[in-house]
Amino acid sequence: MKRYPLTAFLSISAILLLGVFANPTAAQEDGKEKRNLSHLINNSVTITTNPHNGSHPEVKGTLLGIDEDGVLVQTSKTKVWVPTVSILMIESP
């Protein structure tokens, strides 16, 4: 009977790597967070953004709407559209 220790080692390593990179819990948490933002509509929020994308570093106001492309916020002066790619954090008091 032949033994293949290198093949067994590589197979076990590949399985372990797949377990590390394919984390279903993280994907479920991301989806859960997106669904739970709907309770913030019509509430006061502070949105921290990435200033490198040409937006304001922080937007404060009332959250009017959410979709996959961004959020709409009513500030004290005007309505502001914040694209999803610019959002770093959404806080609600």
C-alpha atoms as a PDB file:
ATOM      1  CA  MET A   1       0.000   0.000   0.000  1.00  0.00           C
ATOM      2  CA  LYS A   2       1.414   3.386  -1.024  1.00  0.00           C
ATOM      3  CA  ARG A   3       1.222   6.391   1.245  1.00  0.00           C
ATOM      4  CA  TYR A   4       0.875   9.947  -0.009  1.00  0.00           C
ATOM      5  CA  PRO A   5       1.662  12.247   2.918  1.00  0.00           C
ATOM      6  CA  LEU A   6       2.166  15.333   0.718  1.00  0.00           C
ATOM      7  CA  THR A   7      -1.178  14.829  -1.037  1.00  0.00           C
ATOM      8  CA  ALA A   8      -2.956  14.385   2.282  1.00  0.00           C
ATOM      9  CA  PHE A   9      -1.287  17.499   3.690  1.00  0.00           C
ATOM     10  CA  LEU A  10      -2.270  19.596   0.665  1.00  0.00           C
ATOM     11  CA  SER A  11      -5.850  18.303   0.759  1.00  0.00           C
ATOM     12  CA  ILE A  12      -6.250  19.120   4.437  1.00  0.00           C
ATOM     13  CA  SER A  13      -4.665  22.565   3.916  1.00  0.00           C
ATOM     14  CA  ALA A  14      -7.063  23.328   1.060  1.00  0.00           C
ATOM     15  CA  ILE A  15     -10.076  22.350   3.178  1.00  0.00           C
ATOM     16  CA  LEU A  16      -8.903  24.550   6.043  1.00  0.00           C
ATOM     17  CA  LEU A  17      -8.333  27.512   3.716  1.00  0.00           C
ATOM     18  CA  LEU A  18     -11.810  27.141   2.256  1.00  0.00           C
ATOM     19  CA  GLY A  19     -13.220  27.202   5.763  1.00  0.00           C
ATOM     20  CA  VAL A  20     -11.405  30.440   6.515  1.00  0.00           C
ATOM     21  CA  PHE A  21     -12.358  32.282   3.323  1.00  0.00           C
ATOM     22  CA  ALA A  22     -15.915  30.980   2.962  1.00  0.00           C
ATOM     23  CA  ASN A  23     -17.432  32.319   6.169  1.00  0.00           C
ATOM     24  CA  PRO A  24     -21.233  32.134   5.840  1.00  0.00           C
ATOM     25  CA  THR A  25     -21.742  33.865   9.196  1.00  0.00           C
ATOM     26  CA  ALA A  26     -20.163  37.093   7.948  1.00  0.00           C
ATOM     27  CA  ALA A  27     -22.421  37.130   4.877  1.00  0.00           C
ATOM     28  CA  GLN A  28     -25.495  36.607   7.047  1.00  0.00           C
ATOM     29  CA  GLU A  29     -24.473  39.427   9.378  1.00  0.00           C
ATOM     30  CA  ASP A  30     -23.999  41.830   6.436  1.00  0.00           C
ATOM     31  CA  GLY A  31     -27.468  41.047   5.118  1.00  0.00           C
ATOM     32  CA  LYS A  32     -28.954  41.434   8.575  1.00  0.00           C
ATOM     33  CA  GLU A  33     -27.380  44.866   9.016  1.00  0.00           C
ATOM     34  CA  LYS A  34     -28.765  46.072   5.682  1.00  0.00           C
ATOM     35  CA  ARG A  35     -32.284  44.929   6.559  1.00  0.00           C
ATOM     36  CA  ASN A  36     -32.151  46.543   9.983  1.00  0.00           C
ATOM     37  CA  LEU A  37     -31.454  50.033   8.621  1.00  0.00           C
ATOM     38  CA  SER A  38     -35.114  50.493   7.681  1.00  0.00           C
ATOM     39  CA  HIS A  39     -36.007  51.286  11.307  1.00  0.00           C
ATOM     40  CA  LEU A  40     -33.868  54.446  11.030  1.00  0.00           C
ATOM     41  CA  ILE A  41     -36.141  56.034   8.397  1.00  0.00           C
ATOM     42  CA  ASN A  42     -37.650  59.309   9.706  1.00  0.00           C
ATOM     43  CA  ASN A  43     -35.114  59.348  12.560  1.00  0.00           C
ATOM     44  CA  SER A  44     -32.165  61.629  13.159  1.00  0.00           C
ATOM     45  CA  VAL A  45     -28.868  60.196  11.867  1.00  0.00           C
ATOM     46  CA  THR A  46     -25.235  61.158  11.437  1.00  0.00           C
ATOM     47  CA  ILE A  47     -23.539  59.642   8.404  1.00  0.00           C
ATOM     48  CA  THR A  48     -19.754  59.563   8.290  1.00  0.00           C
ATOM     49  CA  THR A  49     -18.504  59.428   4.718  1.00  0.00           C
ATOM     50  CA  ASN A  50     -15.293  58.895   2.824  1.00  0.00           C
ATOM     51  CA  PRO A  51     -14.159  62.439   1.897  1.00  0.00           C
ATOM     52  CA  HIS A  52     -11.997  61.085  -0.944  1.00  0.00           C
ATOM     53  CA  ASN A  53     -15.171  60.420  -2.958  1.00  0.00           C
ATOM     54  CA  GLY A  54     -15.953  64.141  -3.152  1.00  0.00           C
ATOM     55  CA  SER A  55     -18.687  64.170  -0.520  1.00  0.00           C
ATOM     56  CA  HIS A  56     -18.928  65.984   2.792  1.00  0.00           C
ATOM     57  CA  PRO A  57     -17.053  64.212   5.636  1.00  0.00           C
ATOM     58  CA  GLU A  58     -20.236  64.117   7.740  1.00  0.00           C
ATOM     59  CA  VAL A  59     -23.953  64.508   7.011  1.00  0.00           C
ATOM     60  CA  LYS A  60     -26.433  65.140   9.857  1.00  0.00           C
ATOM     61  CA  GLY A  61     -30.182  65.118   9.431  1.00  0.00           C
ATOM     62  CA  THR A  62     -33.329  63.005   9.114  1.00  0.00           C
ATOM     63  CA  LEU A  63     -33.052  59.806   7.108  1.00  0.00           C
ATOM     64  CA  LEU A  64     -35.716  59.860   4.382  1.00  0.00           C
ATOM     65  CA  GLY A  65     -34.935  56.753   2.370  1.00  0.00           C
ATOM     66  CA  ILE A  66     -32.560  53.850   1.756  1.00  0.00           C
ATOM     67  CA  ASP A  67     -31.824  51.720  -1.295  1.00  0.00           C
ATOM     68  CA  GLU A  68     -28.887  49.731  -2.663  1.00  0.00           C
ATOM     69  CA  ASP A  69     -27.389  52.852  -4.300  1.00  0.00           C
ATOM     70  CA  GLY A  70     -27.387  55.135  -1.268  1.00  0.00           C
ATOM     71  CA  VAL A  71     -29.413  57.057   1.299  1.00  0.00           C
ATOM     72  CA  LEU A  72     -31.407  60.293   1.216  1.00  0.00           C
ATOM     73  CA  VAL A  73     -31.027  62.640   4.188  1.00  0.00           C
ATOM     74  CA  GLN A  74     -32.959  65.845   4.945  1.00  0.00           C
ATOM     75  CA  THR A  75     -30.485  68.294   6.493  1.00  0.00           C
ATOM     76  CA  SER A  76     -31.435  71.645   8.018  1.00  0.00           C
ATOM     77  CA  LYS A  77     -31.061  73.304   4.587  1.00  0.00           C
ATOM     78  CA  THR A  78     -31.621  70.727   1.837  1.00  0.00           C
ATOM     79  CA  LYS A  79     -31.955  67.083   0.891  1.00  0.00           C
ATOM     80  CA  VAL A  80     -28.624  65.282   0.433  1.00  0.00           C
ATOM     81  CA  TRP A  81     -28.057  62.033  -1.491  1.00  0.00           C
ATOM     82  CA  VAL A  82     -25.184  59.988  -0.044  1.00  0.00           C
ATOM     83  CA  PRO A  83     -23.986  57.175  -2.336  1.00  0.00           C
ATOM     84  CA  THR A  84     -23.431  53.777  -0.722  1.00  0.00           C
ATOM     85  CA  VAL A  85     -19.771  53.702  -1.803  1.00  0.00           C
ATOM     86  CA  SER A  86     -19.131  56.852   0.263  1.00  0.00           C
ATOM     87  CA  ILE A  87     -20.737  55.661   3.522  1.00  0.00           C
ATOM     88  CA  LEU A  88     -18.370  54.584   6.273  1.00  0.00           C
ATOM     89  CA  MET A  89     -20.798  54.598   9.220  1.00  0.00           C
ATOM     90  CA  ILE A  90     -24.406  55.502  10.078  1.00  0.00           C
ATOM     91  CA  GLU A  91     -25.125  56.519  13.671  1.00  0.00           C
ATOM     92  CA  SER A  92     -28.435  57.245  15.352  1.00  0.00           C
ATOM     93  CA  PRO A  93     -28.717  58.800  18.805  1.00  0.00           C
END
